[in-house]
Amino acid sequence: MINALSFDIEEYFHAEVFSGVVRREQWSELESRVARTTELLLDVLDEAATTATFFVLGWVAERHAALVRRIAERGHEVACHGYAHQMITRLSRSEFTADVERAKGLIEDAAGVGVIGYRAPTFSVVRETLWSLEVLADQGFQYDSSIFPIVHDRYGIPDAPRFPHRRTMQSGAELTEFPLSTVVRGRWRIPVAGGGYFRLLPYWVTRRALRDINAREGQPAMVYLHPWELDADQPRLPMGRVSRFRHSVNTRGTESRLRRLLREFEFGPVRTVLSKVGLPLAGGVA
């Protein structure tokens, strides 16, 4: 079973935990570390002979166009993470449309390829912002990977489907959704295989969860990480203890965990995995 491997390409200070600490006008004054950490990811993937999907922030593409081009040239799928890492819950429909249009244009110009996939900052496609999927379809996106089918304080649609599926918009347009991975334990859906969950949970929990999803449920998993999760030496910005724990726990061990995961499971870009499960996208397979 081939699973989807994805990376949200953003700076460490773009994380939602810093949204009330660092103003957007200050971003350009902070040390940029996204290029070096993304290059590390590219090298790790080359060594494992694995390709993935890179959801690139438009703000990053604007400043690191050569990096985005290298991602595409090394055989990976380039997708969109919005422009300014703003949660959709804080945007109007027109503001979201402008953000997506700007990001898509910048990323496509930098990569030299078309962009058909989207992931919302902080997984902010929630019940109240499902209208955003209409906007994505209108903008030519063919798939989204933003819905987390769990209960969480920042995001989530608890009763959403857990595996890839097509959604039909009111306009009649279709969009494929690839949710973030969960396992079911009793009445609960437990998030696994990405971000803080990948760093916090013991590795054997992640491995067992992926094996359950693949073997017992016959479905592909979605693994996701951010470059800053491999950067234990990133600058320490002010935040509370709980937030610091969420953001930095086990960052020093993320690279080795990722390498182990790549040895034990098969991975590919989102569009490749969707094709394998009978949900092909226009334009062929990356």
C-alpha atoms as a PDB file:
ATOM      1  CA  MET A   1       0.000   0.000   0.000  1.00  0.00           C
ATOM      2  CA  ILE A   2       1.378   3.402  -0.983  1.00  0.00           C
ATOM      3  CA  ASN A   3       0.765   6.261   1.452  1.00  0.00           C
ATOM      4  CA  ALA A   4       0.784  10.011   0.863  1.00  0.00           C
ATOM      5  CA  LEU A   5       3.771  11.964   2.167  1.00  0.00           C
ATOM      6  CA  SER A   6       3.424  15.728   2.433  1.00  0.00           C
ATOM      7  CA  PHE A   7       5.297  18.740   3.769  1.00  0.00           C
ATOM      8  CA  ASP A   8       3.897  22.199   4.539  1.00  0.00           C
ATOM      9  CA  ILE A   9       6.666  24.572   3.443  1.00  0.00           C
ATOM     10  CA  GLU A  10       6.667  27.536   5.802  1.00  0.00           C
ATOM     11  CA  GLU A  11       9.007  29.346   8.177  1.00  0.00           C
ATOM     12  CA  TYR A  12       9.092  28.430  11.868  1.00  0.00           C
ATOM     13  CA  PHE A  13       7.508  31.801  12.712  1.00  0.00           C
ATOM     14  CA  HIS A  14       4.531  31.106  10.442  1.00  0.00           C
ATOM     15  CA  ALA A  15       3.190  28.484  12.850  1.00  0.00           C
ATOM     16  CA  GLU A  16      -0.180  29.439  14.322  1.00  0.00           C
ATOM     17  CA  VAL A  17       1.309  29.416  17.806  1.00  0.00           C
ATOM     18  CA  PHE A  18       3.135  32.654  16.911  1.00  0.00           C
ATOM     19  CA  SER A  19       0.164  34.449  15.334  1.00  0.00           C
ATOM     20  CA  GLY A  20      -0.340  36.570  18.449  1.00  0.00           C
ATOM     21  CA  VAL A  21       3.372  37.045  19.069  1.00  0.00           C
ATOM     22  CA  VAL A  22       4.886  38.056  15.728  1.00  0.00           C
ATOM     23  CA  ARG A  23       3.122  40.558  13.458  1.00  0.00           C
ATOM     24  CA  ARG A  24       3.154  39.851   9.739  1.00  0.00           C
ATOM     25  CA  GLU A  25       5.072  43.079   9.159  1.00  0.00           C
ATOM     26  CA  GLN A  26       7.902  41.600  11.245  1.00  0.00           C
ATOM     27  CA  TRP A  27       8.281  38.385   9.257  1.00  0.00           C
ATOM     28  CA  SER A  28      10.879  39.791   6.865  1.00  0.00           C
ATOM     29  CA  GLU A  29      13.003  40.948   9.829  1.00  0.00           C
ATOM     30  CA  LEU A  30      13.325  37.442  11.313  1.00  0.00           C
ATOM     31  CA  GLU A  31      15.970  34.883  10.399  1.00  0.00           C
ATOM     32  CA  SER A  32      14.850  32.746   7.461  1.00  0.00           C
ATOM     33  CA  ARG A  33      15.506  29.025   7.943  1.00  0.00           C
ATOM     34  CA  VAL A  34      13.028  27.436   5.538  1.00  0.00           C
ATOM     35  CA  ALA A  35      15.507  26.937   2.674  1.00  0.00           C
ATOM     36  CA  ARG A  36      18.084  25.005   4.670  1.00  0.00           C
ATOM     37  CA  THR A  37      15.506  22.778   6.380  1.00  0.00           C
ATOM     38  CA  THR A  38      13.652  22.092   3.127  1.00  0.00           C
ATOM     39  CA  GLU A  39      16.948  21.199   1.437  1.00  0.00           C
ATOM     40  CA  LEU A  40      17.518  18.717   4.256  1.00  0.00           C
ATOM     41  CA  LEU A  41      14.122  17.170   3.542  1.00  0.00           C
ATOM     42  CA  LEU A  42      14.956  16.931  -0.159  1.00  0.00           C
ATOM     43  CA  ASP A  43      18.213  15.132   0.635  1.00  0.00           C
ATOM     44  CA  VAL A  44      16.470  12.697   3.003  1.00  0.00           C
ATOM     45  CA  LEU A  45      13.887  11.909   0.313  1.00  0.00           C
ATOM     46  CA  ASP A  46      16.575  11.453  -2.355  1.00  0.00           C
ATOM     47  CA  GLU A  47      18.381   8.947  -0.120  1.00  0.00           C
ATOM     48  CA  ALA A  48      15.125   7.019   0.311  1.00  0.00           C
ATOM     49  CA  ALA A  49      14.255   7.250  -3.413  1.00  0.00           C
ATOM     50  CA  THR A  50      10.886   8.728  -2.398  1.00  0.00           C
ATOM     51  CA  THR A  51       8.851  11.601  -3.790  1.00  0.00           C
ATOM     52  CA  ALA A  52       6.257  13.656  -1.910  1.00  0.00           C
ATOM     53  CA  THR A  53       3.892  16.614  -2.113  1.00  0.00           C
ATOM     54  CA  PHE A  54       5.176  19.997  -0.934  1.00  0.00           C
ATOM     55  CA  PHE A  55       2.395  22.420   0.063  1.00  0.00           C
ATOM     56  CA  VAL A  56       4.252  25.706  -0.367  1.00  0.00           C
ATOM     57  CA  LEU A  57       3.278  28.980   1.280  1.00  0.00           C
ATOM     58  CA  GLY A  58       2.998  31.785  -1.273  1.00  0.00           C
ATOM     59  CA  TRP A  59       5.029  34.074   0.991  1.00  0.00           C
ATOM     60  CA  VAL A  60       7.871  31.543   0.803  1.00  0.00           C
ATOM     61  CA  ALA A  61       7.593  31.119  -2.975  1.00  0.00           C
ATOM     62  CA  GLU A  62       7.814  34.897  -3.362  1.00  0.00           C
ATOM     63  CA  ARG A  63      11.140  34.998  -1.492  1.00  0.00           C
ATOM     64  CA  HIS A  64      12.621  31.584  -2.333  1.00  0.00           C
ATOM     65  CA  ALA A  65      11.577  30.929  -5.914  1.00  0.00           C
ATOM     66  CA  ALA A  66      14.741  28.924  -6.619  1.00  0.00           C
ATOM     67  CA  LEU A  67      13.901  26.582  -3.730  1.00  0.00           C
ATOM     68  CA  VAL A  68      10.431  25.935  -5.129  1.00  0.00           C
ATOM     69  CA  ARG A  69      11.892  25.263  -8.573  1.00  0.00           C
ATOM     70  CA  ARG A  70      14.341  22.744  -7.062  1.00  0.00           C
ATOM     71  CA  ILE A  71      11.461  20.925  -5.342  1.00  0.00           C
ATOM     72  CA  ALA A  72       9.748  20.459  -8.706  1.00  0.00           C
ATOM     73  CA  GLU A  73      12.970  19.593 -10.547  1.00  0.00           C
ATOM     74  CA  ARG A  74      13.727  16.834  -8.045  1.00  0.00           C
ATOM     75  CA  GLY A  75      10.492  15.085  -8.971  1.00  0.00           C
ATOM     76  CA  HIS A  76       8.132  16.203  -6.216  1.00  0.00           C
ATOM     77  CA  GLU A  77       4.604  17.539  -6.524  1.00  0.00           C
ATOM     78  CA  VAL A  78       4.257  21.234  -5.724  1.00  0.00           C
ATOM     79  CA  ALA A  79       0.956  22.324  -4.165  1.00  0.00           C
ATOM     80  CA  CYS A  80      -0.456  25.399  -2.404  1.00  0.00           C
ATOM     81  CA  HIS A  81      -0.566  26.291   1.309  1.00  0.00           C
ATOM     82  CA  GLY A  82      -2.105  29.739   0.829  1.00  0.00           C
ATOM     83  CA  TYR A  83      -0.166  32.999   0.820  1.00  0.00           C
ATOM     84  CA  ALA A  84       0.066  34.476   4.313  1.00  0.00           C
ATOM     85  CA  HIS A  85      -0.686  31.489   6.556  1.00  0.00           C
ATOM     86  CA  GLN A  86      -3.990  32.944   7.716  1.00  0.00           C
ATOM     87  CA  MET A  87      -6.614  30.588   9.069  1.00  0.00           C
ATOM     88  CA  ILE A  88      -9.672  30.622   6.812  1.00  0.00           C
ATOM     89  CA  THR A  89     -11.851  31.152   9.882  1.00  0.00           C
ATOM     90  CA  ARG A  90     -10.449  34.699  10.047  1.00  0.00           C
ATOM     91  CA  LEU A  91     -11.066  35.538   6.383  1.00  0.00           C
ATOM     92  CA  SER A  92     -14.071  36.584   4.355  1.00  0.00           C
ATOM     93  CA  ARG A  93     -14.804  34.781   1.118  1.00  0.00           C
ATOM     94  CA  SER A  94     -13.288  37.603  -0.920  1.00  0.00           C
ATOM     95  CA  GLU A  95     -10.178  37.738   1.279  1.00  0.00           C
ATOM     96  CA  PHE A  96      -9.693  33.998   0.994  1.00  0.00           C
ATOM     97  CA  THR A  97     -10.125  34.124  -2.781  1.00  0.00           C
ATOM     98  CA  ALA A  98      -7.494  36.867  -3.048  1.00  0.00           C
ATOM     99  CA  ASP A  99      -5.095  34.934  -0.802  1.00  0.00           C
ATOM    100  CA  VAL A 100      -5.436  31.758  -2.855  1.00  0.00           C
ATOM    101  CA  GLU A 101      -5.138  33.520  -6.212  1.00  0.00           C
ATOM    102  CA  ARG A 102      -1.980  35.316  -5.127  1.00  0.00           C
ATOM    103  CA  ALA A 103      -0.398  32.176  -3.705  1.00  0.00           C
ATOM    104  CA  LYS A 104      -1.250  29.972  -6.682  1.00  0.00           C
ATOM    105  CA  GLY A 105       0.242  32.446  -9.131  1.00  0.00           C
ATOM    106  CA  LEU A 106       3.468  32.873  -7.171  1.00  0.00           C
ATOM    107  CA  ILE A 107       3.956  29.135  -6.647  1.00  0.00           C
ATOM    108  CA  GLU A 108       3.264  28.254 -10.283  1.00  0.00           C
ATOM    109  CA  ASP A 109       5.651  30.957 -11.493  1.00  0.00           C
ATOM    110  CA  ALA A 110       8.377  29.701  -9.152  1.00  0.00           C
ATOM    111  CA  ALA A 111       7.885  25.988  -9.829  1.00  0.00           C
ATOM    112  CA  GLY A 112       7.228  26.244 -13.548  1.00  0.00           C
ATOM    113  CA  VAL A 113       4.347  23.771 -13.231  1.00  0.00           C
ATOM    114  CA  GLY A 114       0.621  23.939 -12.594  1.00  0.00           C
ATOM    115  CA  VAL A 115      -0.724  23.614  -9.058  1.00  0.00           C
ATOM    116  CA  ILE A 116      -3.842  21.517  -8.403  1.00  0.00           C
ATOM    117  CA  GLY A 117      -3.625  20.727  -4.661  1.00  0.00           C
ATOM    118  CA  TYR A 118      -4.303  22.847  -1.586  1.00  0.00           C
ATOM    119  CA  ARG A 119      -3.876  22.577   2.179  1.00  0.00           C
ATOM    120  CA  ALA A 120      -5.267  25.256   4.475  1.00  0.00           C
ATOM    121  CA  PRO A 121      -3.074  26.820   7.155  1.00  0.00           C
ATOM    122  CA  THR A 122      -3.783  25.083  10.474  1.00  0.00           C
ATOM    123  CA  PHE A 123      -6.253  22.727   8.723  1.00  0.00           C
ATOM    124  CA  SER A 124      -8.839  25.524   8.879  1.00  0.00           C
ATOM    125  CA  VAL A 125     -11.378  23.982   6.516  1.00  0.00           C
ATOM    126  CA  VAL A 126     -13.927  23.400   9.257  1.00  0.00           C
ATOM    127  CA  ARG A 127     -17.721  23.145   9.179  1.00  0.00           C
ATOM    128  CA  GLU A 128     -18.069  26.937   9.160  1.00  0.00           C
ATOM    129  CA  THR A 129     -15.640  27.362   6.254  1.00  0.00           C
ATOM    130  CA  LEU A 130     -16.732  24.573   3.911  1.00  0.00           C
ATOM    131  CA  TRP A 131     -17.550  27.367   1.461  1.00  0.00           C
ATOM    132  CA  SER A 132     -13.791  27.579   0.896  1.00  0.00           C
ATOM    133  CA  LEU A 133     -13.929  24.328  -1.085  1.00  0.00           C
ATOM    134  CA  GLU A 134     -16.215  26.067  -3.598  1.00  0.00           C
ATOM    135  CA  VAL A 135     -13.573  28.781  -3.985  1.00  0.00           C
ATOM    136  CA  LEU A 136     -10.841  26.200  -4.504  1.00  0.00           C
ATOM    137  CA  ALA A 137     -12.862  24.426  -7.205  1.00  0.00           C
ATOM    138  CA  ASP A 138     -13.522  27.774  -8.899  1.00  0.00           C
ATOM    139  CA  GLN A 139      -9.779  28.512  -8.851  1.00  0.00           C
ATOM    140  CA  GLY A 140      -8.956  25.276 -10.638  1.00  0.00           C
ATOM    141  CA  PHE A 141      -7.790  23.177  -7.711  1.00  0.00           C
ATOM    142  CA  GLN A 142      -8.608  19.497  -8.037  1.00  0.00           C
ATOM    143  CA  TYR A 143      -7.950  18.293  -4.511  1.00  0.00           C
ATOM    144  CA  ASP A 144      -7.786  19.539  -0.948  1.00  0.00           C
ATOM    145  CA  SER A 145      -6.056  18.049   2.101  1.00  0.00           C
ATOM    146  CA  SER A 146      -7.241  20.272   4.925  1.00  0.00           C
ATOM    147  CA  ILE A 147      -9.966  18.445   6.804  1.00  0.00           C
ATOM    148  CA  PHE A 148      -9.004  16.742  10.048  1.00  0.00           C
ATOM    149  CA  PRO A 149     -11.858  14.430  11.107  1.00  0.00           C
ATOM    150  CA  ILE A 150     -11.293  14.933  14.849  1.00  0.00           C
ATOM    151  CA  VAL A 151     -12.261  17.133  17.782  1.00  0.00           C
ATOM    152  CA  HIS A 152      -9.613  19.825  18.360  1.00  0.00           C
ATOM    153  CA  ASP A 153      -9.484  23.312  19.840  1.00  0.00           C
ATOM    154  CA  ARG A 154      -8.320  24.928  16.578  1.00  0.00           C
ATOM    155  CA  TYR A 155      -9.647  22.762  13.750  1.00  0.00           C
ATOM    156  CA  GLY A 156     -11.533  19.620  12.813  1.00  0.00           C
ATOM    157  CA  ILE A 157     -14.831  18.230  11.516  1.00  0.00           C
ATOM    158  CA  PRO A 158     -15.347  15.247  13.845  1.00  0.00           C
ATOM    159  CA  ASP A 159     -17.829  13.351  11.666  1.00  0.00           C
ATOM    160  CA  ALA A 160     -16.143  13.971   8.308  1.00  0.00           C
ATOM    161  CA  PRO A 161     -15.117  10.928   6.218  1.00  0.00           C
ATOM    162  CA  ARG A 162     -11.719   9.573   7.276  1.00  0.00           C
ATOM    163  CA  PHE A 163     -10.396   8.556   3.861  1.00  0.00           C
ATOM    164  CA  PRO A 164     -10.073  10.052   0.346  1.00  0.00           C
ATOM    165  CA  HIS A 165     -13.373  10.853  -1.324  1.00  0.00           C
ATOM    166  CA  ARG A 166     -14.934  13.176  -3.864  1.00  0.00           C
ATOM    167  CA  ARG A 167     -17.067  16.122  -2.837  1.00  0.00           C
ATOM    168  CA  THR A 168     -19.587  17.722  -5.191  1.00  0.00           C
ATOM    169  CA  MET A 169     -19.967  21.486  -4.891  1.00  0.00           C
ATOM    170  CA  GLN A 170     -23.278  23.331  -5.213  1.00  0.00           C
ATOM    171  CA  SER A 171     -22.017  24.575  -8.583  1.00  0.00           C
ATOM    172  CA  GLY A 172     -21.693  20.967  -9.740  1.00  0.00           C
ATOM    173  CA  ALA A 173     -17.895  21.081  -9.687  1.00  0.00           C
ATOM    174  CA  GLU A 174     -16.056  18.242  -7.972  1.00  0.00           C
ATOM    175  CA  LEU A 175     -13.141  18.390  -5.563  1.00  0.00           C
ATOM    176  CA  THR A 176     -11.309  15.411  -4.093  1.00  0.00           C
ATOM    177  CA  GLU A 177     -10.622  15.518  -0.357  1.00  0.00           C
ATOM    178  CA  PHE A 178      -7.716  13.630   1.224  1.00  0.00           C
ATOM    179  CA  PRO A 179      -8.257  13.985   5.016  1.00  0.00           C
ATOM    180  CA  LEU A 180      -5.506  13.885   7.594  1.00  0.00           C
ATOM    181  CA  SER A 181      -5.076  10.423   9.098  1.00  0.00           C
ATOM    182  CA  THR A 182      -6.811   9.059  12.180  1.00  0.00           C
ATOM    183  CA  VAL A 183      -7.352   5.674  13.796  1.00  0.00           C
ATOM    184  CA  VAL A 184     -10.506   4.679  15.657  1.00  0.00           C
ATOM    185  CA  ARG A 185     -10.245   3.486  19.240  1.00  0.00           C
ATOM    186  CA  GLY A 186     -13.635   2.863  20.780  1.00  0.00           C
ATOM    187  CA  ARG A 187     -15.754   5.980  20.265  1.00  0.00           C
ATOM    188  CA  TRP A 188     -12.723   8.148  19.579  1.00  0.00           C
ATOM    189  CA  ARG A 189     -10.845   9.160  16.458  1.00  0.00           C
ATOM    190  CA  ILE A 190      -7.166   9.556  17.303  1.00  0.00           C
ATOM    191  CA  PRO A 191      -4.956  11.766  15.097  1.00  0.00           C
ATOM    192  CA  VAL A 192      -1.745  10.110  13.916  1.00  0.00           C
ATOM    193  CA  ALA A 193       1.104  10.351  11.412  1.00  0.00           C
ATOM    194  CA  GLY A 194       1.778  14.046  11.284  1.00  0.00           C
ATOM    195  CA  GLY A 195       3.138  17.149  12.942  1.00  0.00           C
ATOM    196  CA  GLY A 196       3.070  17.215  16.709  1.00  0.00           C
ATOM    197  CA  TYR A 197       1.370  13.818  16.791  1.00  0.00           C
ATOM    198  CA  PHE A 198       4.307  12.309  14.902  1.00  0.00           C
ATOM    199  CA  ARG A 199       6.778  13.972  17.277  1.00  0.00           C
ATOM    200  CA  LEU A 200       4.927  13.340  20.541  1.00  0.00           C
ATOM    201  CA  LEU A 201       3.655   9.775  20.182  1.00  0.00           C
ATOM    202  CA  PRO A 202       6.149   6.899  20.487  1.00  0.00           C
ATOM    203  CA  TYR A 203       7.321   5.745  17.071  1.00  0.00           C
ATOM    204  CA  TRP A 204       5.708   2.318  17.509  1.00  0.00           C
ATOM    205  CA  VAL A 205       2.307   4.011  17.824  1.00  0.00           C
ATOM    206  CA  THR A 206       2.762   5.715  14.456  1.00  0.00           C
ATOM    207  CA  ARG A 207       3.958   2.475  12.848  1.00  0.00           C
ATOM    208  CA  ARG A 208       1.043   0.470  14.225  1.00  0.00           C
ATOM    209  CA  ALA A 209      -1.445   3.155  13.182  1.00  0.00           C
ATOM    210  CA  LEU A 210      -0.181   3.162   9.588  1.00  0.00           C
ATOM    211  CA  ARG A 211      -0.233  -0.628   9.483  1.00  0.00           C
ATOM    212  CA  ASP A 212      -3.810  -0.664  10.763  1.00  0.00           C
ATOM    213  CA  ILE A 213      -4.899   1.924   8.194  1.00  0.00           C
ATOM    214  CA  ASN A 214      -3.179   0.031   5.365  1.00  0.00           C
ATOM    215  CA  ALA A 215      -3.801  -3.607   6.271  1.00  0.00           C
ATOM    216  CA  ARG A 216      -6.960  -3.630   8.360  1.00  0.00           C
ATOM    217  CA  GLU A 217      -8.843  -0.794   6.641  1.00  0.00           C
ATOM    218  CA  GLY A 218      -7.251  -1.105   3.205  1.00  0.00           C
ATOM    219  CA  GLN A 219      -6.683   2.644   2.920  1.00  0.00           C
ATOM    220  CA  PRO A 220      -3.694   4.961   2.382  1.00  0.00           C
ATOM    221  CA  ALA A 221      -2.484   7.185   5.195  1.00  0.00           C
ATOM    222  CA  MET A 222      -1.583  10.864   4.987  1.00  0.00           C
ATOM    223  CA  VAL A 223       1.724  11.760   6.663  1.00  0.00           C
ATOM    224  CA  TYR A 224       2.596  15.445   7.020  1.00  0.00           C
ATOM    225  CA  LEU A 225       5.432  17.484   8.518  1.00  0.00           C
ATOM    226  CA  HIS A 226       6.817  21.021   8.444  1.00  0.00           C
ATOM    227  CA  PRO A 227      10.489  21.831   7.761  1.00  0.00           C
ATOM    228  CA  TRP A 228      10.789  23.558  11.140  1.00  0.00           C
ATOM    229  CA  GLU A 229       9.930  20.255  12.852  1.00  0.00           C
ATOM    230  CA  LEU A 230      13.414  19.037  11.889  1.00  0.00           C
ATOM    231  CA  ASP A 231      15.032  22.234  13.198  1.00  0.00           C
ATOM    232  CA  ALA A 232      15.712  21.855  16.926  1.00  0.00           C
ATOM    233  CA  ASP A 233      17.967  24.951  16.877  1.00  0.00           C
ATOM    234  CA  GLN A 234      15.395  27.389  15.532  1.00  0.00           C
ATOM    235  CA  PRO A 235      15.226  30.746  17.350  1.00  0.00           C
ATOM    236  CA  ARG A 236      13.135  30.685  20.520  1.00  0.00           C
ATOM    237  CA  LEU A 237      10.283  33.159  20.291  1.00  0.00           C
ATOM    238  CA  PRO A 238       8.122  34.076  23.295  1.00  0.00           C
ATOM    239  CA  MET A 239       5.188  31.738  24.000  1.00  0.00           C
ATOM    240  CA  GLY A 240       3.490  29.907  26.841  1.00  0.00           C
ATOM    241  CA  ARG A 241       4.674  26.562  28.148  1.00  0.00           C
ATOM    242  CA  VAL A 242       1.876  24.537  26.560  1.00  0.00           C
ATOM    243  CA  SER A 243       2.424  26.218  23.201  1.00  0.00           C
ATOM    244  CA  ARG A 244       6.187  25.707  23.413  1.00  0.00           C
ATOM    245  CA  PHE A 245       5.641  22.022  24.130  1.00  0.00           C
ATOM    246  CA  ARG A 246       3.309  21.640  21.140  1.00  0.00           C
ATOM    247  CA  HIS A 247       5.715  23.448  18.839  1.00  0.00           C
ATOM    248  CA  SER A 248       9.067  21.986  19.849  1.00  0.00           C
ATOM    249  CA  VAL A 249       8.615  18.607  21.540  1.00  0.00           C
ATOM    250  CA  ASN A 250      11.049  16.035  20.107  1.00  0.00           C
ATOM    251  CA  THR A 251      12.146  18.200  17.151  1.00  0.00           C
ATOM    252  CA  ARG A 252      15.669  16.863  17.638  1.00  0.00           C
ATOM    253  CA  GLY A 253      14.470  13.358  16.816  1.00  0.00           C
ATOM    254  CA  THR A 254      12.143  14.115  13.902  1.00  0.00           C
ATOM    255  CA  GLU A 255      14.685  13.504  11.148  1.00  0.00           C
ATOM    256  CA  SER A 256      15.628  10.047  12.426  1.00  0.00           C
ATOM    257  CA  ARG A 257      11.951   9.118  12.872  1.00  0.00           C
ATOM    258  CA  LEU A 258      11.210  10.243   9.322  1.00  0.00           C
ATOM    259  CA  ARG A 259      14.113   8.202   7.947  1.00  0.00           C
ATOM    260  CA  ARG A 260      12.833   5.141   9.785  1.00  0.00           C
ATOM    261  CA  LEU A 261       9.315   5.667   8.458  1.00  0.00           C
ATOM    262  CA  LEU A 262      10.641   5.924   4.902  1.00  0.00           C
ATOM    263  CA  ARG A 263      12.413   2.580   5.338  1.00  0.00           C
ATOM    264  CA  GLU A 264       9.336   0.791   6.659  1.00  0.00           C
ATOM    265  CA  PHE A 265       6.528   2.135   4.431  1.00  0.00           C
ATOM    266  CA  GLU A 266       5.998   3.089   0.799  1.00  0.00           C
ATOM    267  CA  PHE A 267       5.175   6.724   0.060  1.00  0.00           C
ATOM    268  CA  GLY A 268       4.392   8.995  -2.858  1.00  0.00           C
ATOM    269  CA  PRO A 269       2.845  12.362  -3.755  1.00  0.00           C
ATOM    270  CA  VAL A 270      -0.830  12.977  -3.038  1.00  0.00           C
ATOM    271  CA  ARG A 271      -1.935  12.861  -6.667  1.00  0.00           C
ATOM    272  CA  THR A 272      -0.148   9.527  -7.194  1.00  0.00           C
ATOM    273  CA  VAL A 273      -1.857   7.984  -4.170  1.00  0.00           C
ATOM    274  CA  LEU A 274      -5.266   9.278  -5.244  1.00  0.00           C
ATOM    275  CA  SER A 275      -4.785   7.632  -8.632  1.00  0.00           C
ATOM    276  CA  LYS A 276      -3.928   4.334  -6.929  1.00  0.00           C
ATOM    277  CA  VAL A 277      -7.194   4.369  -4.948  1.00  0.00           C
ATOM    278  CA  GLY A 278      -9.347   5.111  -7.975  1.00  0.00           C
ATOM    279  CA  LEU A 279      -9.589   8.886  -7.661  1.00  0.00           C
ATOM    280  CA  PRO A 280      -7.369  10.061 -10.549  1.00  0.00           C
ATOM    281  CA  LEU A 281      -6.925  13.759 -11.225  1.00  0.00           C
ATOM    282  CA  ALA A 282      -6.780  15.517 -14.578  1.00  0.00           C
ATOM    283  CA  GLY A 283      -3.344  15.920 -16.073  1.00  0.00           C
ATOM    284  CA  GLY A 284      -1.978  12.471 -15.266  1.00  0.00           C
ATOM    285  CA  VAL A 285       0.102  11.230 -12.372  1.00  0.00           C
ATOM    286  CA  ALA A 286       3.120  13.066 -11.007  1.00  0.00           C
END
